[in-house]
Amino acid sequence: MESEKPDETTAEAARTLRIDVRVSPDEKKELQEKAMAAGYKKVSAYLRDVGRGVEIKESVPAELRRQLVGIGTNLNQIARLAQAGKSFSNHEAQLLEALTIIRGYLI
């Protein structure tokens, strides 16, 4: 998810004004991490988009995306069994594994 558009070099050339903002070392690190997580190469581009109200979405790592798809598939299978009135107790291990993975990303 690259924030810099093809005409970014033209826009960059038109930018002649600066806005200086003082931040603590922790704030700087947090902003850098957020910019990187959203796929930005430069914090300035990230801050410019945030300031202009552009919706910022974090990039989802491929491994996490793969795991979430697998969890979703398992949950759909279990939901179908439950709706059909069938027991899904033999899927308990899958549920626990899915919950463990989800908790790992939330904590």
Protein backbone atom coordinates (compact mmCIF):
# COMPACT_ATOMS: atom_id res chain seq x y z
CA MET A 1 0.00 0.00 0.00
CA GLU A 2 2.13 2.82 -1.30
CA SER A 3 0.87 6.25 -0.37
CA GLU A 4 2.90 8.13 -2.92
CA LYS A 5 0.90 8.49 -6.10
CA PRO A 6 2.45 8.53 -9.61
CA ASP A 7 2.20 12.35 -9.68
CA GLU A 8 3.79 12.60 -6.21
CA THR A 9 7.07 13.92 -7.70
CA THR A 10 5.16 16.82 -9.28
CA ALA A 11 3.36 17.53 -6.01
CA GLU A 12 6.67 17.22 -4.13
CA ALA A 13 8.22 19.88 -6.36
CA ALA A 14 5.31 22.23 -5.61
CA ARG A 15 5.80 21.86 -1.85
CA THR A 16 7.94 24.72 -0.70
CA LEU A 17 6.59 25.37 2.79
CA ARG A 18 7.50 23.53 5.98
CA ILE A 19 5.63 22.88 9.19
CA ASP A 20 7.90 22.05 12.10
CA VAL A 21 6.44 19.96 14.89
CA ARG A 22 8.27 19.03 18.07
CA VAL A 23 7.75 15.51 19.40
CA SER A 24 9.28 13.38 22.13
CA PRO A 25 11.48 10.41 21.18
CA ASP A 26 8.60 8.07 22.06
CA GLU A 27 6.16 10.03 19.92
CA LYS A 28 8.59 10.02 17.00
CA LYS A 29 9.02 6.27 17.26
CA GLU A 30 5.24 5.75 17.45
CA LEU A 31 4.67 7.92 14.37
CA GLN A 32 7.37 6.07 12.44
CA GLU A 33 5.87 2.71 13.39
CA LYS A 34 2.37 3.81 12.39
CA ALA A 35 3.61 5.17 9.07
CA MET A 36 5.48 1.95 8.35
CA ALA A 37 2.50 -0.21 9.37
CA ALA A 38 0.32 1.74 6.94
CA GLY A 39 2.83 1.21 4.12
CA TYR A 40 4.33 4.68 3.98
CA LYS A 41 8.01 5.18 3.16
CA LYS A 42 8.11 8.66 4.69
CA VAL A 43 6.60 9.89 7.95
CA SER A 44 5.98 13.26 6.30
CA ALA A 45 3.71 11.65 3.68
CA TYR A 46 1.86 9.80 6.45
CA LEU A 47 1.39 12.98 8.51
CA ARG A 48 0.29 14.93 5.44
CA ASP A 49 -2.41 12.35 4.69
CA VAL A 50 -3.52 12.15 8.34
CA GLY A 51 -3.75 15.94 8.48
CA ARG A 52 -5.83 16.04 5.30
CA GLY A 53 -8.24 13.43 6.66
CA VAL A 54 -7.23 10.60 4.33
CA GLU A 55 -8.39 7.24 5.71
CA ILE A 56 -5.28 5.39 6.88
CA LYS A 57 -5.35 1.59 6.89
CA GLU A 58 -2.62 -0.60 8.27
CA SER A 59 -1.19 -3.17 5.92
CA VAL A 60 -1.97 -6.71 7.01
CA PRO A 61 1.09 -8.99 6.90
CA ALA A 62 0.68 -11.92 4.49
CA GLU A 63 1.14 -14.52 7.25
CA LEU A 64 -1.57 -12.92 9.40
CA ARG A 65 -3.89 -12.69 6.39
CA ARG A 66 -3.33 -16.42 5.69
CA GLN A 67 -4.09 -17.33 9.30
CA LEU A 68 -7.23 -15.19 9.37
CA VAL A 69 -8.52 -16.80 6.19
CA GLY A 70 -7.93 -20.23 7.74
CA ILE A 71 -9.70 -19.22 10.95
CA GLY A 72 -12.62 -17.83 8.96
CA THR A 73 -12.91 -21.08 7.01
CA ASN A 74 -12.90 -23.14 10.21
CA LEU A 75 -15.52 -20.90 11.84
CA ASN A 76 -17.76 -21.16 8.77
CA GLN A 77 -17.55 -24.97 8.90
CA ILE A 78 -18.41 -24.97 12.60
CA ALA A 79 -21.30 -22.53 12.03
CA ARG A 80 -22.74 -24.79 9.31
CA LEU A 81 -22.59 -27.76 11.68
CA ALA A 82 -24.25 -25.76 14.46
CA GLN A 83 -27.02 -24.54 12.15
CA ALA A 84 -27.64 -28.11 11.00
CA GLY A 85 -28.02 -29.13 14.64
CA LYS A 86 -24.93 -31.33 14.53
CA SER A 87 -22.34 -31.61 17.25
CA PHE A 88 -19.09 -29.76 16.70
CA SER A 89 -17.33 -30.94 19.83
CA ASN A 90 -14.66 -32.64 17.72
CA HIS A 91 -13.77 -29.16 16.40
CA GLU A 92 -12.97 -27.84 19.87
CA ALA A 93 -9.22 -28.04 19.22
CA GLN A 94 -9.61 -25.90 16.09
CA LEU A 95 -11.60 -23.31 18.02
CA LEU A 96 -9.02 -23.15 20.80
CA GLU A 97 -6.19 -22.82 18.27
CA ALA A 98 -8.03 -20.01 16.47
CA LEU A 99 -8.66 -18.18 19.74
CA THR A 100 -5.00 -18.54 20.73
CA ILE A 101 -3.86 -17.01 17.42
CA ILE A 102 -6.35 -14.16 17.69
CA ARG A 103 -5.38 -13.41 21.30
CA GLY A 104 -1.71 -13.37 20.28
CA TYR A 105 -2.37 -10.53 17.85
CA LEU A 106 -4.62 -8.59 20.21
CA ILE A 107 -2.30 -8.60 23.23
